[in-house]
ModelCIF file with pLDDT and N, C-alpha, C, O atoms, coordinates in Angstrom:
data_MODEL
#
_entry.id   MODEL 
#
_entity.id                         1 
_entity.type                       polymer 
_entity.pdbx_number_of_molecules   1 
#
_entity_poly.entity_id                      1 
_entity_poly.type                           'polypeptide(L)' 
_entity_poly.nstd_linkage                   no 
_entity_poly.nstd_monomer                   no 
_entity_poly.pdbx_seq_one_letter_code       HYLEWLIPYSNETLSNYTTRIQEEIKHENPVLIGVSFGGIIVQE 
_entity_poly.pdbx_seq_one_letter_code_can   HYLEWLIPYSNETLSNYTTRIQEEIKHENPVLIGVSFGGIIVQE 
_entity_poly.pdbx_strand_id                 A 
#
loop_
_entity_poly_seq.entity_id 
_entity_poly_seq.num 
_entity_poly_seq.mon_id 
_entity_poly_seq.hetero 
1 1  HIS n 
1 2  TYR n 
1 3  LEU n 
1 4  GLU n 
1 5  TRP n 
1 6  LEU n 
1 7  ILE n 
1 8  PRO n 
1 9  TYR n 
1 10 SER n 
1 11 ASN n 
1 12 GLU n 
1 13 THR n 
1 14 LEU n 
1 15 SER n 
1 16 ASN n 
1 17 TYR n 
1 18 THR n 
1 19 THR n 
1 20 ARG n 
1 21 ILE n 
1 22 GLN n 
1 23 GLU n 
1 24 GLU n 
1 25 ILE n 
1 26 LYS n 
1 27 HIS n 
1 28 GLU n 
1 29 ASN n 
1 30 PRO n 
1 31 VAL n 
1 32 LEU n 
1 33 ILE n 
1 34 GLY n 
1 35 VAL n 
1 36 SER n 
1 37 PHE n 
1 38 GLY n 
1 39 GLY n 
1 40 ILE n 
1 41 ILE n 
1 42 VAL n 
1 43 GLN n 
1 44 GLU n 
#
_struct_asym.id          A 
_struct_asym.entity_id   1 
#
loop_
_ma_qa_metric.id 
_ma_qa_metric.mode 
_ma_qa_metric.name 
_ma_qa_metric.software_group_id 
_ma_qa_metric.type 
1 global pLDDT . pLDDT 
2 local  pLDDT . pLDDT 
#
_ma_qa_metric_global.metric_id      1 
_ma_qa_metric_global.metric_value   96.52 
_ma_qa_metric_global.model_id       1 
_ma_qa_metric_global.ordinal_id     1 
#
loop_
_ma_qa_metric_local.label_asym_id 
_ma_qa_metric_local.label_comp_id 
_ma_qa_metric_local.label_seq_id 
_ma_qa_metric_local.metric_id 
_ma_qa_metric_local.metric_value 
_ma_qa_metric_local.model_id 
_ma_qa_metric_local.ordinal_id 
A HIS 1  2 98.00 1 1  
A TYR 2  2 98.00 1 2  
A LEU 3  2 97.00 1 3  
A GLU 4  2 95.00 1 4  
A TRP 5  2 95.00 1 5  
A LEU 6  2 95.00 1 6  
A ILE 7  2 93.00 1 7  
A PRO 8  2 95.00 1 8  
A TYR 9  2 95.00 1 9  
A SER 10 2 90.00 1 10 
A ASN 11 2 91.00 1 11 
A GLU 12 2 96.00 1 12 
A THR 13 2 97.00 1 13 
A LEU 14 2 97.00 1 14 
A SER 15 2 96.00 1 15 
A ASN 16 2 97.00 1 16 
A TYR 17 2 98.00 1 17 
A THR 18 2 98.00 1 18 
A THR 19 2 98.00 1 19 
A ARG 20 2 98.00 1 20 
A ILE 21 2 98.00 1 21 
A GLN 22 2 98.00 1 22 
A GLU 23 2 97.00 1 23 
A GLU 24 2 97.00 1 24 
A ILE 25 2 98.00 1 25 
A LYS 26 2 96.00 1 26 
A HIS 27 2 97.00 1 27 
A GLU 28 2 95.00 1 28 
A ASN 29 2 96.00 1 29 
A PRO 30 2 98.00 1 30 
A VAL 31 2 98.00 1 31 
A LEU 32 2 98.00 1 32 
A ILE 33 2 98.00 1 33 
A GLY 34 2 98.00 1 34 
A VAL 35 2 96.00 1 35 
A SER 36 2 95.00 1 36 
A PHE 37 2 95.00 1 37 
A GLY 38 2 97.00 1 38 
A GLY 39 2 98.00 1 39 
A ILE 40 2 97.00 1 40 
A ILE 41 2 98.00 1 41 
A VAL 42 2 98.00 1 42 
A GLN 43 2 97.00 1 43 
A GLU 44 2 97.00 1 44 
#
loop_
_atom_site.group_PDB 
_atom_site.id 
_atom_site.type_symbol 
_atom_site.label_atom_id 
_atom_site.label_alt_id 
_atom_site.label_comp_id 
_atom_site.label_asym_id 
_atom_site.label_entity_id 
_atom_site.label_seq_id 
_atom_site.pdbx_PDB_ins_code 
_atom_site.Cartn_x 
_atom_site.Cartn_y 
_atom_site.Cartn_z 
_atom_site.occupancy 
_atom_site.B_iso_or_equiv 
_atom_site.pdbx_formal_charge 
_atom_site.auth_seq_id 
_atom_site.auth_comp_id 
_atom_site.auth_asym_id 
_atom_site.auth_atom_id 
_atom_site.pdbx_PDB_model_num 
ATOM 1   N N  . HIS A 1 1  ? -62.291 75.017 167.010 1.00 98.00 ? 1  HIS A N  1 
ATOM 2   C CA . HIS A 1 1  ? -63.323 75.687 166.226 1.00 98.00 ? 1  HIS A CA 1 
ATOM 3   C C  . HIS A 1 1  ? -62.734 75.932 164.832 1.00 98.00 ? 1  HIS A C  1 
ATOM 4   O O  . HIS A 1 1  ? -61.558 76.269 164.695 1.00 98.00 ? 1  HIS A O  1 
ATOM 5   N N  . TYR A 1 2  ? -63.563 75.758 163.810 1.00 98.00 ? 2  TYR A N  1 
ATOM 6   C CA . TYR A 1 2  ? -63.043 75.817 162.447 1.00 98.00 ? 2  TYR A CA 1 
ATOM 7   C C  . TYR A 1 2  ? -63.697 76.958 161.665 1.00 98.00 ? 2  TYR A C  1 
ATOM 8   O O  . TYR A 1 2  ? -64.921 77.050 161.570 1.00 98.00 ? 2  TYR A O  1 
ATOM 9   N N  . LEU A 1 3  ? -62.853 77.813 161.114 1.00 97.00 ? 3  LEU A N  1 
ATOM 10  C CA . LEU A 1 3  ? -63.314 78.911 160.273 1.00 97.00 ? 3  LEU A CA 1 
ATOM 11  C C  . LEU A 1 3  ? -63.279 78.455 158.809 1.00 97.00 ? 3  LEU A C  1 
ATOM 12  O O  . LEU A 1 3  ? -62.407 77.679 158.419 1.00 97.00 ? 3  LEU A O  1 
ATOM 13  N N  . GLU A 1 4  ? -64.211 78.930 158.021 1.00 95.00 ? 4  GLU A N  1 
ATOM 14  C CA . GLU A 1 4  ? -64.276 78.561 156.604 1.00 95.00 ? 4  GLU A CA 1 
ATOM 15  C C  . GLU A 1 4  ? -64.271 79.828 155.748 1.00 95.00 ? 4  GLU A C  1 
ATOM 16  O O  . GLU A 1 4  ? -64.620 80.915 156.208 1.00 95.00 ? 4  GLU A O  1 
ATOM 17  N N  . TRP A 1 5  ? -63.871 79.656 154.512 1.00 95.00 ? 5  TRP A N  1 
ATOM 18  C CA . TRP A 1 5  ? -63.835 80.777 153.579 1.00 95.00 ? 5  TRP A CA 1 
ATOM 19  C C  . TRP A 1 5  ? -65.249 81.208 153.197 1.00 95.00 ? 5  TRP A C  1 
ATOM 20  O O  . TRP A 1 5  ? -66.155 80.385 153.060 1.00 95.00 ? 5  TRP A O  1 
ATOM 21  N N  . LEU A 1 6  ? -65.410 82.505 153.030 1.00 95.00 ? 6  LEU A N  1 
ATOM 22  C CA . LEU A 1 6  ? -66.654 83.086 152.550 1.00 95.00 ? 6  LEU A CA 1 
ATOM 23  C C  . LEU A 1 6  ? -66.434 83.560 151.113 1.00 95.00 ? 6  LEU A C  1 
ATOM 24  O O  . LEU A 1 6  ? -65.306 83.856 150.718 1.00 95.00 ? 6  LEU A O  1 
ATOM 25  N N  . ILE A 1 7  ? -67.497 83.628 150.348 1.00 93.00 ? 7  ILE A N  1 
ATOM 26  C CA . ILE A 1 7  ? -67.389 84.233 149.018 1.00 93.00 ? 7  ILE A CA 1 
ATOM 27  C C  . ILE A 1 7  ? -67.304 85.744 149.206 1.00 93.00 ? 7  ILE A C  1 
ATOM 28  O O  . ILE A 1 7  ? -68.198 86.328 149.818 1.00 93.00 ? 7  ILE A O  1 
ATOM 29  N N  . PRO A 1 8  ? -66.268 86.386 148.706 1.00 95.00 ? 8  PRO A N  1 
ATOM 30  C CA . PRO A 1 8  ? -66.117 87.835 148.921 1.00 95.00 ? 8  PRO A CA 1 
ATOM 31  C C  . PRO A 1 8  ? -67.141 88.647 148.142 1.00 95.00 ? 8  PRO A C  1 
ATOM 32  O O  . PRO A 1 8  ? -67.621 88.227 147.090 1.00 95.00 ? 8  PRO A O  1 
ATOM 33  N N  . TYR A 1 9  ? -67.463 89.812 148.677 1.00 95.00 ? 9  TYR A N  1 
ATOM 34  C CA . TYR A 1 9  ? -68.280 90.765 147.948 1.00 95.00 ? 9  TYR A CA 1 
ATOM 35  C C  . TYR A 1 9  ? -67.448 91.372 146.824 1.00 95.00 ? 9  TYR A C  1 
ATOM 36  O O  . TYR A 1 9  ? -66.221 91.271 146.822 1.00 95.00 ? 9  TYR A O  1 
ATOM 37  N N  . SER A 1 10 ? -68.113 91.987 145.889 1.00 90.00 ? 10 SER A N  1 
ATOM 38  C CA . SER A 1 10 ? -67.405 92.642 144.788 1.00 90.00 ? 10 SER A CA 1 
ATOM 39  C C  . SER A 1 10 ? -66.489 93.748 145.330 1.00 90.00 ? 10 SER A C  1 
ATOM 40  O O  . SER A 1 10 ? -66.935 94.641 146.050 1.00 90.00 ? 10 SER A O  1 
ATOM 41  N N  . ASN A 1 11 ? -65.211 93.670 144.973 1.00 91.00 ? 11 ASN A N  1 
ATOM 42  C CA . ASN A 1 11 ? -64.197 94.659 145.382 1.00 91.00 ? 11 ASN A CA 1 
ATOM 43  C C  . ASN A 1 11 ? -64.075 94.779 146.907 1.00 91.00 ? 11 ASN A C  1 
ATOM 44  O O  . ASN A 1 11 ? -63.716 95.842 147.414 1.00 91.00 ? 11 ASN A O  1 
ATOM 45  N N  . GLU A 1 12 ? -64.366 93.714 147.628 1.00 96.00 ? 12 GLU A N  1 
ATOM 46  C CA . GLU A 1 12 ? -64.283 93.760 149.084 1.00 96.00 ? 12 GLU A CA 1 
ATOM 47  C C  . GLU A 1 12 ? -62.840 93.876 149.553 1.00 96.00 ? 12 GLU A C  1 
ATOM 48  O O  . GLU A 1 12 ? -61.957 93.193 149.036 1.00 96.00 ? 12 GLU A O  1 
ATOM 49  N N  . THR A 1 13 ? -62.603 94.739 150.527 1.00 97.00 ? 13 THR A N  1 
ATOM 50  C CA . THR A 1 13 ? -61.265 94.884 151.077 1.00 97.00 ? 13 THR A CA 1 
ATOM 51  C C  . THR A 1 13 ? -60.954 93.704 152.002 1.00 97.00 ? 13 THR A C  1 
ATOM 52  O O  . THR A 1 13 ? -61.856 93.041 152.514 1.00 97.00 ? 13 THR A O  1 
ATOM 53  N N  . LEU A 1 14 ? -59.664 93.462 152.201 1.00 97.00 ? 14 LEU A N  1 
ATOM 54  C CA . LEU A 1 14 ? -59.248 92.399 153.106 1.00 97.00 ? 14 LEU A CA 1 
ATOM 55  C C  . LEU A 1 14 ? -59.722 92.691 154.524 1.00 97.00 ? 14 LEU A C  1 
ATOM 56  O O  . LEU A 1 14 ? -60.112 91.777 155.251 1.00 97.00 ? 14 LEU A O  1 
ATOM 57  N N  . SER A 1 15 ? -59.690 93.960 154.918 1.00 96.00 ? 15 SER A N  1 
ATOM 58  C CA . SER A 1 15 ? -60.131 94.348 156.256 1.00 96.00 ? 15 SER A CA 1 
ATOM 59  C C  . SER A 1 15 ? -61.609 94.038 156.459 1.00 96.00 ? 15 SER A C  1 
ATOM 60  O O  . SER A 1 15 ? -61.992 93.497 157.496 1.00 96.00 ? 15 SER A O  1 
ATOM 61  N N  . ASN A 1 16 ? -62.432 94.373 155.486 1.00 97.00 ? 16 ASN A N  1 
ATOM 62  C CA . ASN A 1 16 ? -63.865 94.099 155.613 1.00 97.00 ? 16 ASN A CA 1 
ATOM 63  C C  . ASN A 1 16 ? -64.137 92.599 155.621 1.00 97.00 ? 16 ASN A C  1 
ATOM 64  O O  . ASN A 1 16 ? -65.005 92.118 156.349 1.00 97.00 ? 16 ASN A O  1 
ATOM 65  N N  . TYR A 1 17 ? -63.387 91.870 154.807 1.00 98.00 ? 17 TYR A N  1 
ATOM 66  C CA . TYR A 1 17 ? -63.556 90.419 154.735 1.00 98.00 ? 17 TYR A CA 1 
ATOM 67  C C  . TYR A 1 17 ? -63.242 89.780 156.085 1.00 98.00 ? 17 TYR A C  1 
ATOM 68  O O  . TYR A 1 17 ? -63.987 88.922 156.560 1.00 98.00 ? 17 TYR A O  1 
ATOM 69  N N  . THR A 1 18 ? -62.141 90.198 156.697 1.00 98.00 ? 18 THR A N  1 
ATOM 70  C CA . THR A 1 18 ? -61.773 89.618 157.987 1.00 98.00 ? 18 THR A CA 1 
ATOM 71  C C  . THR A 1 18 ? -62.757 90.026 159.085 1.00 98.00 ? 18 THR A C  1 
ATOM 72  O O  . THR A 1 18 ? -62.925 89.300 160.065 1.00 98.00 ? 18 THR A O  1 
ATOM 73  N N  . THR A 1 19 ? -63.399 91.165 158.930 1.00 98.00 ? 19 THR A N  1 
ATOM 74  C CA . THR A 1 19 ? -64.449 91.548 159.887 1.00 98.00 ? 19 THR A CA 1 
ATOM 75  C C  . THR A 1 19 ? -65.607 90.564 159.809 1.00 98.00 ? 19 THR A C  1 
ATOM 76  O O  . THR A 1 19 ? -66.197 90.221 160.834 1.00 98.00 ? 19 THR A O  1 
ATOM 77  N N  . ARG A 1 20 ? -65.935 90.111 158.619 1.00 98.00 ? 20 ARG A N  1 
ATOM 78  C CA . ARG A 1 20 ? -67.001 89.111 158.477 1.00 98.00 ? 20 ARG A CA 1 
ATOM 79  C C  . ARG A 1 20 ? -66.578 87.771 159.060 1.00 98.00 ? 20 ARG A C  1 
ATOM 80  O O  . ARG A 1 20 ? -67.381 87.085 159.694 1.00 98.00 ? 20 ARG A O  1 
ATOM 81  N N  . ILE A 1 21 ? -65.309 87.391 158.847 1.00 98.00 ? 21 ILE A N  1 
ATOM 82  C CA . ILE A 1 21 ? -64.791 86.165 159.456 1.00 98.00 ? 21 ILE A CA 1 
ATOM 83  C C  . ILE A 1 21 ? -64.829 86.280 160.980 1.00 98.00 ? 21 ILE A C  1 
ATOM 84  O O  . ILE A 1 21 ? -65.135 85.318 161.684 1.00 98.00 ? 21 ILE A O  1 
ATOM 85  N N  . GLN A 1 22 ? -64.512 87.469 161.466 1.00 98.00 ? 22 GLN A N  1 
ATOM 86  C CA . GLN A 1 22 ? -64.469 87.721 162.921 1.00 98.00 ? 22 GLN A CA 1 
ATOM 87  C C  . GLN A 1 22 ? -65.797 87.400 163.592 1.00 98.00 ? 22 GLN A C  1 
ATOM 88  O O  . GLN A 1 22 ? -65.818 87.009 164.760 1.00 98.00 ? 22 GLN A O  1 
ATOM 89  N N  . GLU A 1 23 ? -66.899 87.558 162.877 1.00 97.00 ? 23 GLU A N  1 
ATOM 90  C CA . GLU A 1 23 ? -68.220 87.289 163.442 1.00 97.00 ? 23 GLU A CA 1 
ATOM 91  C C  . GLU A 1 23 ? -68.385 85.836 163.861 1.00 97.00 ? 23 GLU A C  1 
ATOM 92  O O  . GLU A 1 23 ? -69.265 85.517 164.660 1.00 97.00 ? 23 GLU A O  1 
ATOM 93  N N  . GLU A 1 24 ? -67.541 84.950 163.326 1.00 97.00 ? 24 GLU A N  1 
ATOM 94  C CA . GLU A 1 24 ? -67.618 83.528 163.670 1.00 97.00 ? 24 GLU A CA 1 
ATOM 95  C C  . GLU A 1 24 ? -66.828 83.197 164.933 1.00 97.00 ? 24 GLU A C  1 
ATOM 96  O O  . GLU A 1 24 ? -66.899 82.069 165.420 1.00 97.00 ? 24 GLU A O  1 
ATOM 97  N N  . ILE A 1 25 ? -66.081 84.154 165.470 1.00 98.00 ? 25 ILE A N  1 
ATOM 98  C CA . ILE A 1 25 ? -65.274 83.914 166.674 1.00 98.00 ? 25 ILE A CA 1 
ATOM 99  C C  . ILE A 1 25 ? -66.105 84.299 167.898 1.00 98.00 ? 25 ILE A C  1 
ATOM 100 O O  . ILE A 1 25 ? -66.423 85.470 168.104 1.00 98.00 ? 25 ILE A O  1 
ATOM 101 N N  . LYS A 1 26 ? -66.447 83.305 168.698 1.00 96.00 ? 26 LYS A N  1 
ATOM 102 C CA . LYS A 1 26 ? -67.390 83.496 169.795 1.00 96.00 ? 26 LYS A CA 1 
ATOM 103 C C  . LYS A 1 26 ? -66.737 83.500 171.176 1.00 96.00 ? 26 LYS A C  1 
ATOM 104 O O  . LYS A 1 26 ? -67.433 83.630 172.183 1.00 96.00 ? 26 LYS A O  1 
ATOM 105 N N  . HIS A 1 27 ? -65.420 83.361 171.238 1.00 97.00 ? 27 HIS A N  1 
ATOM 106 C CA . HIS A 1 27 ? -64.746 83.277 172.533 1.00 97.00 ? 27 HIS A CA 1 
ATOM 107 C C  . HIS A 1 27 ? -63.689 84.371 172.659 1.00 97.00 ? 27 HIS A C  1 
ATOM 108 O O  . HIS A 1 27 ? -63.063 84.762 171.674 1.00 97.00 ? 27 HIS A O  1 
ATOM 109 N N  . GLU A 1 28 ? -63.502 84.853 173.867 1.00 95.00 ? 28 GLU A N  1 
ATOM 110 C CA . GLU A 1 28 ? -62.506 85.893 174.111 1.00 95.00 ? 28 GLU A CA 1 
ATOM 111 C C  . GLU A 1 28 ? -61.101 85.300 174.198 1.00 95.00 ? 28 GLU A C  1 
ATOM 112 O O  . GLU A 1 28 ? -60.894 84.191 174.691 1.00 95.00 ? 28 GLU A O  1 
ATOM 113 N N  . ASN A 1 29 ? -60.155 86.079 173.704 1.00 96.00 ? 29 ASN A N  1 
ATOM 114 C CA . ASN A 1 29 ? -58.741 85.732 173.828 1.00 96.00 ? 29 ASN A CA 1 
ATOM 115 C C  . ASN A 1 29 ? -58.423 84.322 173.314 1.00 96.00 ? 29 ASN A C  1 
ATOM 116 O O  . ASN A 1 29 ? -57.802 83.530 174.023 1.00 96.00 ? 29 ASN A O  1 
ATOM 117 N N  . PRO A 1 30 ? -58.848 84.008 172.082 1.00 98.00 ? 30 PRO A N  1 
ATOM 118 C CA . PRO A 1 30 ? -58.596 82.667 171.559 1.00 98.00 ? 30 PRO A CA 1 
ATOM 119 C C  . PRO A 1 30 ? -57.178 82.530 171.003 1.00 98.00 ? 30 PRO A C  1 
ATOM 120 O O  . PRO A 1 30 ? -56.447 83.513 170.875 1.00 98.00 ? 30 PRO A O  1 
ATOM 121 N N  . VAL A 1 31 ? -56.813 81.312 170.683 1.00 98.00 ? 31 VAL A N  1 
ATOM 122 C CA . VAL A 1 31 ? -55.621 81.050 169.876 1.00 98.00 ? 31 VAL A CA 1 
ATOM 123 C C  . VAL A 1 31 ? -56.077 80.998 168.424 1.00 98.00 ? 31 VAL A C  1 
ATOM 124 O O  . VAL A 1 31 ? -57.035 80.297 168.100 1.00 98.00 ? 31 VAL A O  1 
ATOM 125 N N  . LEU A 1 32 ? -55.403 81.729 167.553 1.00 98.00 ? 32 LEU A N  1 
ATOM 126 C CA . LEU A 1 32 ? -55.697 81.695 166.120 1.00 98.00 ? 32 LEU A CA 1 
ATOM 127 C C  . LEU A 1 32 ? -54.574 80.957 165.405 1.00 98.00 ? 32 LEU A C  1 
ATOM 128 O O  . LEU A 1 32 ? -53.398 81.257 165.610 1.00 98.00 ? 32 LEU A O  1 
ATOM 129 N N  . ILE A 1 33 ? -54.935 79.995 164.569 1.00 98.00 ? 33 ILE A N  1 
ATOM 130 C CA . ILE A 1 33 ? -53.948 79.258 163.783 1.00 98.00 ? 33 ILE A CA 1 
ATOM 131 C C  . ILE A 1 33 ? -54.369 79.291 162.324 1.00 98.00 ? 33 ILE A C  1 
ATOM 132 O O  . ILE A 1 33 ? -55.470 78.857 161.987 1.00 98.00 ? 33 ILE A O  1 
ATOM 133 N N  . GLY A 1 34 ? -53.497 79.806 161.449 1.00 98.00 ? 34 GLY A N  1 
ATOM 134 C CA . GLY A 1 34 ? -53.825 79.907 160.035 1.00 98.00 ? 34 GLY A CA 1 
ATOM 135 C C  . GLY A 1 34 ? -52.736 79.336 159.159 1.00 98.00 ? 34 GLY A C  1 
ATOM 136 O O  . GLY A 1 34 ? -51.550 79.466 159.459 1.00 98.00 ? 34 GLY A O  1 
ATOM 137 N N  . VAL A 1 35 ? -53.141 78.707 158.078 1.00 96.00 ? 35 VAL A N  1 
ATOM 138 C CA . VAL A 1 35 ? -52.217 78.099 157.124 1.00 96.00 ? 35 VAL A CA 1 
ATOM 139 C C  . VAL A 1 35 ? -52.194 78.912 155.836 1.00 96.00 ? 35 VAL A C  1 
ATOM 140 O O  . VAL A 1 35 ? -53.247 79.264 155.305 1.00 96.00 ? 35 VAL A O  1 
ATOM 141 N N  . SER A 1 36 ? -50.991 79.213 155.327 1.00 95.00 ? 36 SER A N  1 
ATOM 142 C CA . SER A 1 36 ? -50.801 79.909 154.052 1.00 95.00 ? 36 SER A CA 1 
ATOM 143 C C  . SER A 1 36 ? -51.594 81.219 154.025 1.00 95.00 ? 36 SER A C  1 
ATOM 144 O O  . SER A 1 36 ? -51.368 82.074 154.882 1.00 95.00 ? 36 SER A O  1 
ATOM 145 N N  . PHE A 1 37 ? -52.517 81.407 153.073 1.00 95.00 ? 37 PHE A N  1 
ATOM 146 C CA . PHE A 1 37 ? -53.314 82.633 153.048 1.00 95.00 ? 37 PHE A CA 1 
ATOM 147 C C  . PHE A 1 37 ? -54.132 82.764 154.335 1.00 95.00 ? 37 PHE A C  1 
ATOM 148 O O  . PHE A 1 37 ? -54.416 83.872 154.789 1.00 95.00 ? 37 PHE A O  1 
ATOM 149 N N  . GLY A 1 38 ? -54.504 81.627 154.913 1.00 97.00 ? 38 GLY A N  1 
ATOM 150 C CA . GLY A 1 38 ? -55.181 81.655 156.207 1.00 97.00 ? 38 GLY A CA 1 
ATOM 151 C C  . GLY A 1 38 ? -54.316 82.266 157.289 1.00 97.00 ? 38 GLY A C  1 
ATOM 152 O O  . GLY A 1 38 ? -54.828 82.832 158.255 1.00 97.00 ? 38 GLY A O  1 
ATOM 153 N N  . GLY A 1 39 ? -52.990 82.153 157.129 1.00 98.00 ? 39 GLY A N  1 
ATOM 154 C CA . GLY A 1 39 ? -52.066 82.794 158.055 1.00 98.00 ? 39 GLY A CA 1 
ATOM 155 C C  . GLY A 1 39 ? -52.132 84.306 157.967 1.00 98.00 ? 39 GLY A C  1 
ATOM 156 O O  . GLY A 1 39 ? -52.015 85.001 158.976 1.00 98.00 ? 39 GLY A O  1 
ATOM 157 N N  . ILE A 1 40 ? -52.319 84.810 156.768 1.00 97.00 ? 40 ILE A N  1 
ATOM 158 C CA . ILE A 1 40 ? -52.502 86.253 156.598 1.00 97.00 ? 40 ILE A CA 1 
ATOM 159 C C  . ILE A 1 40 ? -53.827 86.692 157.222 1.00 97.00 ? 40 ILE A C  1 
ATOM 160 O O  . ILE A 1 40 ? -53.907 87.734 157.873 1.00 97.00 ? 40 ILE A O  1 
ATOM 161 N N  . ILE A 1 41 ? -54.856 85.885 157.013 1.00 98.00 ? 41 ILE A N  1 
ATOM 162 C CA . ILE A 1 41 ? -56.169 86.215 157.575 1.00 98.00 ? 41 ILE A CA 1 
ATOM 163 C C  . ILE A 1 41 ? -56.114 86.293 159.100 1.00 98.00 ? 41 ILE A C  1 
ATOM 164 O O  . ILE A 1 41 ? -56.650 87.235 159.683 1.00 98.00 ? 41 ILE A O  1 
ATOM 165 N N  . VAL A 1 42 ? -55.475 85.319 159.758 1.00 98.00 ? 42 VAL A N  1 
ATOM 166 C CA . VAL A 1 42 ? -55.458 85.357 161.232 1.00 98.00 ? 42 VAL A CA 1 
ATOM 167 C C  . VAL A 1 42 ? -54.613 86.519 161.744 1.00 98.00 ? 42 VAL A C  1 
ATOM 168 O O  . VAL A 1 42 ? -54.880 87.036 162.829 1.00 98.00 ? 42 VAL A O  1 
ATOM 169 N N  . GLN A 1 43 ? -53.602 86.938 160.990 1.00 97.00 ? 43 GLN A N  1 
ATOM 170 C CA . GLN A 1 43 ? -52.838 88.116 161.408 1.00 97.00 ? 43 GLN A CA 1 
ATOM 171 C C  . GLN A 1 43 ? -53.697 89.378 161.307 1.00 97.00 ? 43 GLN A C  1 
ATOM 172 O O  . GLN A 1 43 ? -53.592 90.273 162.146 1.00 97.00 ? 43 GLN A O  1 
ATOM 173 N N  . GLU A 1 44 ? -54.541 89.445 160.285 1.00 97.00 ? 44 GLU A N  1 
ATOM 174 C CA . GLU A 1 44 ? -55.458 90.582 160.169 1.00 97.00 ? 44 GLU A CA 1 
ATOM 175 C C  . GLU A 1 44 ? -56.516 90.528 161.271 1.00 97.00 ? 44 GLU A C  1 
ATOM 176 O O  . GLU A 1 44 ? -57.380 91.402 161.340 1.00 97.00 ? 44 GLU A O  1 
#
């Protein structure tokens, strides 16, 4: 499954941004793999 970048809201926090990304994850207990800044996102 592939996650894509969203355009951030004005002054959006990283936590809120990752919550929006989280909405695209439809399966329990998945493996998350992130590259570079994507690595920071999957850790969040």
